[in-house]
Structures are given as C-alpha cells and as structure tokens.
Amino acid sequence: MGSRDGIARNHGHRDVPSPKVGVLLVNLGTPERCDVKAVRHYLAEFLSDQRVIELNPLLWKFILHGFILRFRPPRMVRAYRKIWMEDTDESPLRFHTRMQSDRLAGLLKQQGDKIIVQWAMRYGTPSIPDGLGQLRKLGCGRILIAALYPQYSATTTATVHDKVFECLAGLRDQPSVRTLAPYYDHPGYIEALAESVEAYLKSTPERPQVLIASYHGLPMDYVEAGDPYYCHCAKTTRLLRQRLGMDDGLLRMTFQSRMGPKQWL
C-alpha cells in the first residue's frame, strides 16, 4: 500500500498543512477621512444595511439619497472634528480597534505562532472580506469572528455575521468559522467596566452625585420585535451596580442617539 504522500504526488494533490487559528475582531466602522465626501460614503454604506434600517427599501433609498446624504454629512464632519486624532489622521474608533488587535495579538503570540489576529470594520476599511482573505492567506483553517459588541443586536452583531457568511458563500474551500457569543454578563467584562469606574472615582476629588451608563439607542419597534439588546444592556448595568455596590439612583442606565420620528430607547 502506498503512502499518503505517494497518493498525493500521483494524483496531483497538494499537501495539507496543519491549519492555523485566526481571530477577526470586527467593529462598526468609521469614515476614512474627516471630510464631507468620506463621511457621505460611510453613511451611505452604513444606512443602506437593511439590518440597520428596517423600512421599505425603495422608500428608504429615496429618503437616504434625497435628504440624509445631502444634509447630514456636513453636521457630522463638525462633530468628528472635535474628536479626530490629528497626529494619526484617524478616528478614535479606528485607532483603538487597531491597538486592541495589536495587544491581543501580542498576548496570544506568547502561546506560539498558531493564532493570528486581524481586525476589520463592518462598514469601511479594512473590510470583513479583506480581513477574512488575509487570514486565509496566512493559513488559517479555523476562524473566530469576534464582533466587538458586548450586547447583542440584530443591527450590530447580526449584520457582522451576515457579511461573514456572505463572503463564505463564494468560497469553494471554506474555513471553519465560529462566532463569539455576546459577553454582556461575562465576569471579565463586568470587572473591566468596574475597574474603569473605580479608577475614575479615585482620580476625581469630588464624588459624583450620579453616574450614567449610556448605551446607543435602538428603535422601540426593533425591541418589541424580539431584539434582546435592551435586556442585555439592563443586565450589564445591574451586574455593574452589584459589583460597585451602587443602587439605581447612583448608577443610572440611559440611551443616546436617535434618528427619525420613531420612538427610541
């Protein structure tokens, strides 16, 4: 009986190396530059996602291109200028996502060279197809998709997964893919939040009368349709209160950012 190597040579099969493990950190996205053209391009991609805007597509396309993309980008540029990092010419979200990826890669490197970390954005660059392609080129046969949203929502986590599986659908040789579960109640996450709050309290001479736990808003009809986001936010806040020894009068849960006439959290 011939060896497997012999069979591979006789039939022209390629050698199959031991696969590496890839980790793809995925965040929301950000404009490439702090100008109207870049912001308009980012908004067009973001707000064209039907997971984000659940309206009739034809009606929404008219609203998006007829009104929002004409008038909203200049206002957003003024807001971005207040936080834009001039030294690296990028938004804080892009900077911190890259730093998070680099630090995780450094920690995992201590365990050898079998785990490779890349980062991507759901909207903008580097894109999810770019990130998956890079991991595959580096020999990753197993990939963990880590959407950087502690609390699950169809508008965030689910659309990351949608894009990943859309990319996989076009591949003949697909890697094995797993997705990171929401970690809104993970002890490590709660501890990290608590340590951040405690560090702030130690640094300020006067104790605040109230602390605000502010989450991004979501249309109420999304929640009523079954999106678990509100429940996840509420549990994160409750566990953080318990860890810090605070009641709901001192640590309050709120939501920020809304768009359009709908009722939001």
C-alpha atoms as a PDB file:
ATOM      1  CA  MET A   1       0.000   0.000   0.000  1.00  0.00           C
ATOM      2  CA  GLY A   2       1.435   3.389  -0.983  1.00  0.00           C
ATOM      3  CA  SER A   3       1.881   6.202   1.465  1.00  0.00           C
ATOM      4  CA  ARG A   4      -0.442   9.185   1.619  1.00  0.00           C
ATOM      5  CA  ASP A   5       2.396  11.341   0.268  1.00  0.00           C
ATOM      6  CA  GLY A   6       2.697   8.978  -2.661  1.00  0.00           C
ATOM      7  CA  ILE A   7      -1.006   9.123  -3.358  1.00  0.00           C
ATOM      8  CA  ALA A   8      -0.887  12.940  -3.224  1.00  0.00           C
ATOM      9  CA  ARG A   9       2.005  13.057  -5.674  1.00  0.00           C
ATOM     10  CA  ASN A  10       0.437  10.527  -8.052  1.00  0.00           C
ATOM     11  CA  HIS A  11      -2.863  12.384  -8.187  1.00  0.00           C
ATOM     12  CA  GLY A  12      -1.533  15.922  -8.098  1.00  0.00           C
ATOM     13  CA  HIS A  13      -2.992  16.647  -4.665  1.00  0.00           C
ATOM     14  CA  ARG A  14      -1.476  19.455  -2.702  1.00  0.00           C
ATOM     15  CA  ASP A  15      -0.074  18.899   0.772  1.00  0.00           C
ATOM     16  CA  VAL A  16      -2.449  19.972   3.535  1.00  0.00           C
ATOM     17  CA  PRO A  17      -0.574  21.787   6.305  1.00  0.00           C
ATOM     18  CA  SER A  18      -1.850  21.957   9.871  1.00  0.00           C
ATOM     19  CA  PRO A  19      -4.241  24.917   9.866  1.00  0.00           C
ATOM     20  CA  LYS A  20      -3.636  27.974  11.971  1.00  0.00           C
ATOM     21  CA  VAL A  21      -6.365  29.640  14.002  1.00  0.00           C
ATOM     22  CA  GLY A  22      -7.485  33.125  13.017  1.00  0.00           C
ATOM     23  CA  VAL A  23      -9.264  35.712  15.151  1.00  0.00           C
ATOM     24  CA  LEU A  24     -11.069  38.513  13.324  1.00  0.00           C
ATOM     25  CA  LEU A  25     -12.061  41.431  15.541  1.00  0.00           C
ATOM     26  CA  VAL A  26     -14.876  43.390  13.907  1.00  0.00           C
ATOM     27  CA  ASN A  27     -16.054  46.841  14.895  1.00  0.00           C
ATOM     28  CA  LEU A  28     -18.748  49.089  13.439  1.00  0.00           C
ATOM     29  CA  GLY A  29     -16.759  51.337  11.120  1.00  0.00           C
ATOM     30  CA  THR A  30     -15.681  54.905  10.593  1.00  0.00           C
ATOM     31  CA  PRO A  31     -15.091  57.410   7.805  1.00  0.00           C
ATOM     32  CA  GLU A  32     -11.666  57.199   6.185  1.00  0.00           C
ATOM     33  CA  ARG A  33     -11.125  60.941   6.489  1.00  0.00           C
ATOM     34  CA  CYS A  34     -12.694  63.848   8.289  1.00  0.00           C
ATOM     35  CA  ASP A  35     -14.351  65.466   5.283  1.00  0.00           C
ATOM     36  CA  VAL A  36     -17.810  65.571   3.752  1.00  0.00           C
ATOM     37  CA  LYS A  37     -17.059  63.147   0.905  1.00  0.00           C
ATOM     38  CA  ALA A  38     -15.671  60.451   3.220  1.00  0.00           C
ATOM     39  CA  VAL A  39     -18.481  60.854   5.750  1.00  0.00           C
ATOM     40  CA  ARG A  40     -21.108  60.677   2.994  1.00  0.00           C
ATOM     41  CA  HIS A  41     -19.540  57.458   1.644  1.00  0.00           C
ATOM     42  CA  TYR A  42     -19.502  55.907   5.115  1.00  0.00           C
ATOM     43  CA  LEU A  43     -23.095  56.896   5.855  1.00  0.00           C
ATOM     44  CA  ALA A  44     -24.283  55.552   2.512  1.00  0.00           C
ATOM     45  CA  GLU A  45     -22.852  52.119   3.270  1.00  0.00           C
ATOM     46  CA  PHE A  46     -23.960  52.090   6.899  1.00  0.00           C
ATOM     47  CA  LEU A  47     -27.520  53.306   6.352  1.00  0.00           C
ATOM     48  CA  SER A  48     -28.081  51.079   3.303  1.00  0.00           C
ATOM     49  CA  ASP A  49     -27.877  47.992   5.538  1.00  0.00           C
ATOM     50  CA  GLN A  50     -31.414  46.619   5.906  1.00  0.00           C
ATOM     51  CA  ARG A  51     -30.487  45.229   9.327  1.00  0.00           C
ATOM     52  CA  VAL A  52     -29.937  48.816  10.459  1.00  0.00           C
ATOM     53  CA  ILE A  53     -32.901  50.481   8.736  1.00  0.00           C
ATOM     54  CA  GLU A  54     -35.999  48.284   8.569  1.00  0.00           C
ATOM     55  CA  LEU A  55     -38.062  50.295   6.101  1.00  0.00           C
ATOM     56  CA  ASN A  56     -39.343  49.640   2.603  1.00  0.00           C
ATOM     57  CA  PRO A  57     -36.081  49.648   0.569  1.00  0.00           C
ATOM     58  CA  LEU A  58     -37.399  51.888  -2.222  1.00  0.00           C
ATOM     59  CA  LEU A  59     -38.842  54.432   0.195  1.00  0.00           C
ATOM     60  CA  TRP A  60     -35.684  54.425   2.307  1.00  0.00           C
ATOM     61  CA  LYS A  61     -33.430  54.828  -0.736  1.00  0.00           C
ATOM     62  CA  PHE A  62     -35.377  57.970  -1.677  1.00  0.00           C
ATOM     63  CA  ILE A  63     -35.082  59.374   1.869  1.00  0.00           C
ATOM     64  CA  LEU A  64     -31.416  58.423   2.204  1.00  0.00           C
ATOM     65  CA  HIS A  65     -30.184  59.851  -1.087  1.00  0.00           C
ATOM     66  CA  GLY A  66     -32.688  62.683  -1.345  1.00  0.00           C
ATOM     67  CA  PHE A  67     -32.291  64.108   2.139  1.00  0.00           C
ATOM     68  CA  ILE A  68     -29.946  62.415   4.629  1.00  0.00           C
ATOM     69  CA  LEU A  69     -26.830  62.151   2.454  1.00  0.00           C
ATOM     70  CA  ARG A  70     -27.317  65.736   1.297  1.00  0.00           C
ATOM     71  CA  PHE A  71     -27.694  67.428   4.675  1.00  0.00           C
ATOM     72  CA  ARG A  72     -26.308  65.164   7.437  1.00  0.00           C
ATOM     73  CA  PRO A  73     -22.607  64.765   6.409  1.00  0.00           C
ATOM     74  CA  PRO A  74     -21.606  68.427   6.991  1.00  0.00           C
ATOM     75  CA  ARG A  75     -23.018  68.294  10.534  1.00  0.00           C
ATOM     76  CA  MET A  76     -21.237  65.008  11.199  1.00  0.00           C
ATOM     77  CA  VAL A  77     -17.931  66.415   9.961  1.00  0.00           C
ATOM     78  CA  ARG A  78     -18.176  69.197  12.541  1.00  0.00           C
ATOM     79  CA  ALA A  79     -18.764  66.582  15.245  1.00  0.00           C
ATOM     80  CA  TYR A  80     -15.918  64.346  14.035  1.00  0.00           C
ATOM     81  CA  ARG A  81     -13.506  67.292  14.076  1.00  0.00           C
ATOM     82  CA  LYS A  82     -13.971  67.553  17.842  1.00  0.00           C
ATOM     83  CA  ILE A  83     -12.589  64.040  18.380  1.00  0.00           C
ATOM     84  CA  TRP A  84     -10.472  63.406  15.263  1.00  0.00           C
ATOM     85  CA  MET A  85      -6.906  62.326  16.062  1.00  0.00           C
ATOM     86  CA  GLU A  86      -4.781  64.742  14.057  1.00  0.00           C
ATOM     87  CA  ASP A  87      -1.438  63.036  14.759  1.00  0.00           C
ATOM     88  CA  THR A  88      -2.530  59.763  13.132  1.00  0.00           C
ATOM     89  CA  ASP A  89      -5.307  61.269  10.950  1.00  0.00           C
ATOM     90  CA  GLU A  90      -7.984  58.821  12.025  1.00  0.00           C
ATOM     91  CA  SER A  91     -10.992  58.490  14.282  1.00  0.00           C
ATOM     92  CA  PRO A  92     -10.614  57.200  17.863  1.00  0.00           C
ATOM     93  CA  LEU A  93     -12.631  54.098  16.974  1.00  0.00           C
ATOM     94  CA  ARG A  94     -10.175  53.098  14.264  1.00  0.00           C
ATOM     95  CA  PHE A  95      -7.168  53.845  16.483  1.00  0.00           C
ATOM     96  CA  HIS A  96      -8.432  51.887  19.493  1.00  0.00           C
ATOM     97  CA  THR A  97      -9.645  48.933  17.408  1.00  0.00           C
ATOM     98  CA  ARG A  98      -6.187  48.621  15.857  1.00  0.00           C
ATOM     99  CA  MET A  99      -4.494  48.932  19.253  1.00  0.00           C
ATOM    100  CA  GLN A 100      -6.837  46.329  20.733  1.00  0.00           C
ATOM    101  CA  SER A 101      -5.992  43.956  17.898  1.00  0.00           C
ATOM    102  CA  ASP A 102      -2.244  44.546  18.318  1.00  0.00           C
ATOM    103  CA  ARG A 103      -2.379  43.950  22.074  1.00  0.00           C
ATOM    104  CA  LEU A 104      -4.418  40.765  21.701  1.00  0.00           C
ATOM    105  CA  ALA A 105      -2.013  39.518  19.036  1.00  0.00           C
ATOM    106  CA  GLY A 106       0.885  40.211  21.382  1.00  0.00           C
ATOM    107  CA  LEU A 107      -0.719  38.260  24.218  1.00  0.00           C
ATOM    108  CA  LEU A 108      -1.584  35.284  22.011  1.00  0.00           C
ATOM    109  CA  LYS A 109       1.903  35.322  20.469  1.00  0.00           C
ATOM    110  CA  GLN A 110       3.191  34.150  23.829  1.00  0.00           C
ATOM    111  CA  GLN A 111       1.406  30.842  23.168  1.00  0.00           C
ATOM    112  CA  GLY A 112       3.177  30.330  19.838  1.00  0.00           C
ATOM    113  CA  ASP A 113       2.580  31.291  16.230  1.00  0.00           C
ATOM    114  CA  LYS A 114      -0.568  29.246  15.599  1.00  0.00           C
ATOM    115  CA  ILE A 115      -3.041  32.053  16.397  1.00  0.00           C
ATOM    116  CA  ILE A 116      -3.247  35.089  14.097  1.00  0.00           C
ATOM    117  CA  VAL A 117      -5.261  38.218  14.894  1.00  0.00           C
ATOM    118  CA  GLN A 118      -6.646  40.639  12.323  1.00  0.00           C
ATOM    119  CA  TRP A 119      -9.193  43.441  12.606  1.00  0.00           C
ATOM    120  CA  ALA A 120     -11.907  44.731  10.311  1.00  0.00           C
ATOM    121  CA  MET A 121     -14.825  47.113  10.108  1.00  0.00           C
ATOM    122  CA  ARG A 122     -18.364  46.216   9.144  1.00  0.00           C
ATOM    123  CA  TYR A 123     -18.588  49.476   7.189  1.00  0.00           C
ATOM    124  CA  GLY A 124     -15.462  50.975   5.674  1.00  0.00           C
ATOM    125  CA  THR A 125     -11.938  49.605   5.683  1.00  0.00           C
ATOM    126  CA  PRO A 126     -10.340  47.264   6.360  1.00  0.00           C
ATOM    127  CA  SER A 127     -13.449  45.363   5.327  1.00  0.00           C
ATOM    128  CA  ILE A 128     -14.611  41.958   6.523  1.00  0.00           C
ATOM    129  CA  PRO A 129     -13.757  40.366   3.127  1.00  0.00           C
ATOM    130  CA  ASP A 130     -10.265  41.865   3.414  1.00  0.00           C
ATOM    131  CA  GLY A 131      -9.818  40.518   6.938  1.00  0.00           C
ATOM    132  CA  LEU A 132     -11.044  37.026   6.065  1.00  0.00           C
ATOM    133  CA  GLY A 133      -8.903  36.983   2.936  1.00  0.00           C
ATOM    134  CA  GLN A 134      -5.799  37.944   4.881  1.00  0.00           C
ATOM    135  CA  LEU A 135      -6.370  35.233   7.480  1.00  0.00           C
ATOM    136  CA  ARG A 136      -6.860  32.617   4.764  1.00  0.00           C
ATOM    137  CA  LYS A 137      -3.655  33.716   3.008  1.00  0.00           C
ATOM    138  CA  LEU A 138      -1.821  33.248   6.305  1.00  0.00           C
ATOM    139  CA  GLY A 139      -3.024  29.647   6.526  1.00  0.00           C
ATOM    140  CA  CYS A 140      -5.965  29.913   8.917  1.00  0.00           C
ATOM    141  CA  GLY A 141      -8.324  26.982   8.531  1.00  0.00           C
ATOM    142  CA  ARG A 142     -10.314  27.882  11.634  1.00  0.00           C
ATOM    143  CA  ILE A 143     -11.503  31.436  12.290  1.00  0.00           C
ATOM    144  CA  LEU A 144     -13.237  33.027  15.256  1.00  0.00           C
ATOM    145  CA  ILE A 145     -15.368  36.047  14.372  1.00  0.00           C
ATOM    146  CA  ALA A 146     -15.370  38.399  17.353  1.00  0.00           C
ATOM    147  CA  ALA A 147     -17.912  41.182  16.878  1.00  0.00           C
ATOM    148  CA  LEU A 148     -16.875  43.854  19.381  1.00  0.00           C
ATOM    149  CA  TYR A 149     -20.359  44.439  20.763  1.00  0.00           C
ATOM    150  CA  PRO A 150     -20.886  43.140  24.321  1.00  0.00           C
ATOM    151  CA  GLN A 151     -24.677  43.429  23.977  1.00  0.00           C
ATOM    152  CA  TYR A 152     -26.227  41.625  21.004  1.00  0.00           C
ATOM    153  CA  SER A 153     -28.450  43.405  18.492  1.00  0.00           C
ATOM    154  CA  ALA A 154     -29.534  42.451  15.009  1.00  0.00           C
ATOM    155  CA  THR A 155     -28.333  45.920  13.951  1.00  0.00           C
ATOM    156  CA  THR A 156     -24.765  45.229  15.065  1.00  0.00           C
ATOM    157  CA  THR A 157     -23.724  41.644  15.807  1.00  0.00           C
ATOM    158  CA  ALA A 158     -26.096  40.011  13.341  1.00  0.00           C
ATOM    159  CA  THR A 159     -25.059  42.178  10.411  1.00  0.00           C
ATOM    160  CA  VAL A 160     -21.409  41.292  11.058  1.00  0.00           C
ATOM    161  CA  HIS A 161     -22.317  37.624  10.871  1.00  0.00           C
ATOM    162  CA  ASP A 162     -24.409  38.228   7.745  1.00  0.00           C
ATOM    163  CA  LYS A 163     -21.416  39.746   5.983  1.00  0.00           C
ATOM    164  CA  VAL A 164     -19.085  36.947   7.060  1.00  0.00           C
ATOM    165  CA  PHE A 165     -21.372  34.215   5.752  1.00  0.00           C
ATOM    166  CA  GLU A 166     -21.981  36.173   2.558  1.00  0.00           C
ATOM    167  CA  CYS A 167     -18.219  36.059   1.991  1.00  0.00           C
ATOM    168  CA  LEU A 168     -18.042  32.353   2.790  1.00  0.00           C
ATOM    169  CA  ALA A 169     -20.816  31.597   0.293  1.00  0.00           C
ATOM    170  CA  GLY A 170     -18.460  32.490  -2.544  1.00  0.00           C
ATOM    171  CA  LEU A 171     -15.622  30.219  -1.425  1.00  0.00           C
ATOM    172  CA  ARG A 172     -15.006  26.686  -2.608  1.00  0.00           C
ATOM    173  CA  ASP A 173     -12.529  25.931   0.199  1.00  0.00           C
ATOM    174  CA  GLN A 174     -14.263  27.389   3.249  1.00  0.00           C
ATOM    175  CA  PRO A 175     -12.553  27.740   6.619  1.00  0.00           C
ATOM    176  CA  SER A 176     -14.310  26.513   9.744  1.00  0.00           C
ATOM    177  CA  VAL A 177     -15.908  29.564  11.358  1.00  0.00           C
ATOM    178  CA  ARG A 178     -17.202  30.209  14.856  1.00  0.00           C
ATOM    179  CA  THR A 179     -18.774  33.385  16.229  1.00  0.00           C
ATOM    180  CA  LEU A 180     -18.161  34.926  19.638  1.00  0.00           C
ATOM    181  CA  ALA A 181     -21.213  34.895  21.879  1.00  0.00           C
ATOM    182  CA  PRO A 182     -22.424  38.180  23.402  1.00  0.00           C
ATOM    183  CA  TYR A 183     -20.468  38.914  26.574  1.00  0.00           C
ATOM    184  CA  TYR A 184     -22.726  41.463  28.251  1.00  0.00           C
ATOM    185  CA  ASP A 185     -22.703  39.470  31.516  1.00  0.00           C
ATOM    186  CA  HIS A 186     -19.241  37.912  31.377  1.00  0.00           C
ATOM    187  CA  PRO A 187     -17.410  38.385  34.698  1.00  0.00           C
ATOM    188  CA  GLY A 188     -14.291  39.633  32.918  1.00  0.00           C
ATOM    189  CA  TYR A 189     -16.258  42.308  31.072  1.00  0.00           C
ATOM    190  CA  ILE A 190     -18.080  43.461  34.204  1.00  0.00           C
ATOM    191  CA  GLU A 191     -14.796  43.586  36.104  1.00  0.00           C
ATOM    192  CA  ALA A 192     -13.177  45.662  33.358  1.00  0.00           C
ATOM    193  CA  LEU A 193     -16.056  48.156  33.497  1.00  0.00           C
ATOM    194  CA  ALA A 194     -15.885  48.296  37.290  1.00  0.00           C
ATOM    195  CA  GLU A 195     -12.139  48.877  37.292  1.00  0.00           C
ATOM    196  CA  SER A 196     -12.584  51.725  34.823  1.00  0.00           C
ATOM    197  CA  VAL A 197     -15.239  53.370  37.019  1.00  0.00           C
ATOM    198  CA  GLU A 198     -13.158  52.892  40.173  1.00  0.00           C
ATOM    199  CA  ALA A 199     -10.080  54.385  38.514  1.00  0.00           C
ATOM    200  CA  TYR A 200     -12.123  57.454  37.578  1.00  0.00           C
ATOM    201  CA  LEU A 201     -13.587  57.813  41.078  1.00  0.00           C
ATOM    202  CA  LYS A 202     -10.099  57.695  42.598  1.00  0.00           C
ATOM    203  CA  SER A 203      -8.852  60.362  40.191  1.00  0.00           C
ATOM    204  CA  THR A 204     -11.575  62.930  40.888  1.00  0.00           C
ATOM    205  CA  PRO A 205     -11.549  64.988  44.099  1.00  0.00           C
ATOM    206  CA  GLU A 206     -15.344  65.065  44.439  1.00  0.00           C
ATOM    207  CA  ARG A 207     -17.570  62.005  44.283  1.00  0.00           C
ATOM    208  CA  PRO A 208     -20.209  62.404  41.539  1.00  0.00           C
ATOM    209  CA  GLN A 209     -23.839  62.618  42.587  1.00  0.00           C
ATOM    210  CA  VAL A 210     -24.810  60.222  39.796  1.00  0.00           C
ATOM    211  CA  LEU A 211     -23.060  58.005  37.253  1.00  0.00           C
ATOM    212  CA  ILE A 212     -24.573  57.491  33.786  1.00  0.00           C
ATOM    213  CA  ALA A 213     -24.284  54.160  31.964  1.00  0.00           C
ATOM    214  CA  SER A 214     -25.104  55.334  28.438  1.00  0.00           C
ATOM    215  CA  TYR A 215     -25.777  52.868  25.623  1.00  0.00           C
ATOM    216  CA  HIS A 216     -26.519  53.536  21.970  1.00  0.00           C
ATOM    217  CA  GLY A 217     -30.224  53.793  21.300  1.00  0.00           C
ATOM    218  CA  LEU A 218     -32.411  51.430  19.283  1.00  0.00           C
ATOM    219  CA  PRO A 219     -35.907  51.912  17.824  1.00  0.00           C
ATOM    220  CA  MET A 220     -38.534  50.551  20.190  1.00  0.00           C
ATOM    221  CA  ASP A 221     -40.227  48.532  17.439  1.00  0.00           C
ATOM    222  CA  TYR A 222     -36.959  46.579  16.971  1.00  0.00           C
ATOM    223  CA  VAL A 223     -37.039  45.674  20.668  1.00  0.00           C
ATOM    224  CA  GLU A 224     -40.720  44.782  20.521  1.00  0.00           C
ATOM    225  CA  ALA A 225     -39.995  42.535  17.516  1.00  0.00           C
ATOM    226  CA  GLY A 226     -37.629  40.452  19.654  1.00  0.00           C
ATOM    227  CA  ASP A 227     -34.219  42.156  19.613  1.00  0.00           C
ATOM    228  CA  PRO A 228     -32.619  41.305  23.009  1.00  0.00           C
ATOM    229  CA  TYR A 229     -30.442  44.441  23.108  1.00  0.00           C
ATOM    230  CA  TYR A 230     -32.366  46.250  25.842  1.00  0.00           C
ATOM    231  CA  CYS A 231     -32.348  43.190  28.113  1.00  0.00           C
ATOM    232  CA  HIS A 232     -28.614  42.758  27.606  1.00  0.00           C
ATOM    233  CA  CYS A 233     -27.952  46.411  28.463  1.00  0.00           C
ATOM    234  CA  ALA A 234     -30.151  46.151  31.558  1.00  0.00           C
ATOM    235  CA  LYS A 235     -28.292  43.078  32.807  1.00  0.00           C
ATOM    236  CA  THR A 236     -24.893  44.664  32.207  1.00  0.00           C
ATOM    237  CA  THR A 237     -25.992  47.667  34.238  1.00  0.00           C
ATOM    238  CA  ARG A 238     -27.454  45.540  37.036  1.00  0.00           C
ATOM    239  CA  LEU A 239     -24.287  43.457  37.348  1.00  0.00           C
ATOM    240  CA  LEU A 240     -22.130  46.575  37.312  1.00  0.00           C
ATOM    241  CA  ARG A 241     -24.241  48.085  40.103  1.00  0.00           C
ATOM    242  CA  GLN A 242     -23.810  44.926  42.155  1.00  0.00           C
ATOM    243  CA  ARG A 243     -20.061  44.882  41.592  1.00  0.00           C
ATOM    244  CA  LEU A 244     -19.695  48.555  42.573  1.00  0.00           C
ATOM    245  CA  GLY A 245     -22.175  48.412  45.447  1.00  0.00           C
ATOM    246  CA  MET A 246     -24.382  51.117  43.909  1.00  0.00           C
ATOM    247  CA  ASP A 247     -28.155  51.389  43.584  1.00  0.00           C
ATOM    248  CA  ASP A 248     -30.116  52.549  40.553  1.00  0.00           C
ATOM    249  CA  GLY A 249     -30.232  56.083  41.906  1.00  0.00           C
ATOM    250  CA  LEU A 250     -26.455  56.416  41.763  1.00  0.00           C
ATOM    251  CA  LEU A 251     -25.772  54.387  38.608  1.00  0.00           C
ATOM    252  CA  ARG A 252     -28.450  55.078  36.023  1.00  0.00           C
ATOM    253  CA  MET A 253     -28.990  53.409  32.651  1.00  0.00           C
ATOM    254  CA  THR A 254     -29.680  55.712  29.706  1.00  0.00           C
ATOM    255  CA  PHE A 255     -29.629  55.568  25.908  1.00  0.00           C
ATOM    256  CA  GLN A 256     -28.261  58.077  23.420  1.00  0.00           C
ATOM    257  CA  SER A 257     -28.534  58.829  19.707  1.00  0.00           C
ATOM    258  CA  ARG A 258     -31.701  58.586  17.667  1.00  0.00           C
ATOM    259  CA  MET A 259     -32.789  59.298  14.122  1.00  0.00           C
ATOM    260  CA  GLY A 260     -36.178  59.941  12.589  1.00  0.00           C
ATOM    261  CA  PRO A 261     -39.651  60.182  14.126  1.00  0.00           C
ATOM    262  CA  LYS A 262     -39.768  56.672  15.640  1.00  0.00           C
ATOM    263  CA  GLN A 263     -39.831  56.088  19.376  1.00  0.00           C
ATOM    264  CA  TRP A 264     -36.375  55.002  20.573  1.00  0.00           C
ATOM    265  CA  LEU A 265     -34.967  53.568  23.762  1.00  0.00           C
END
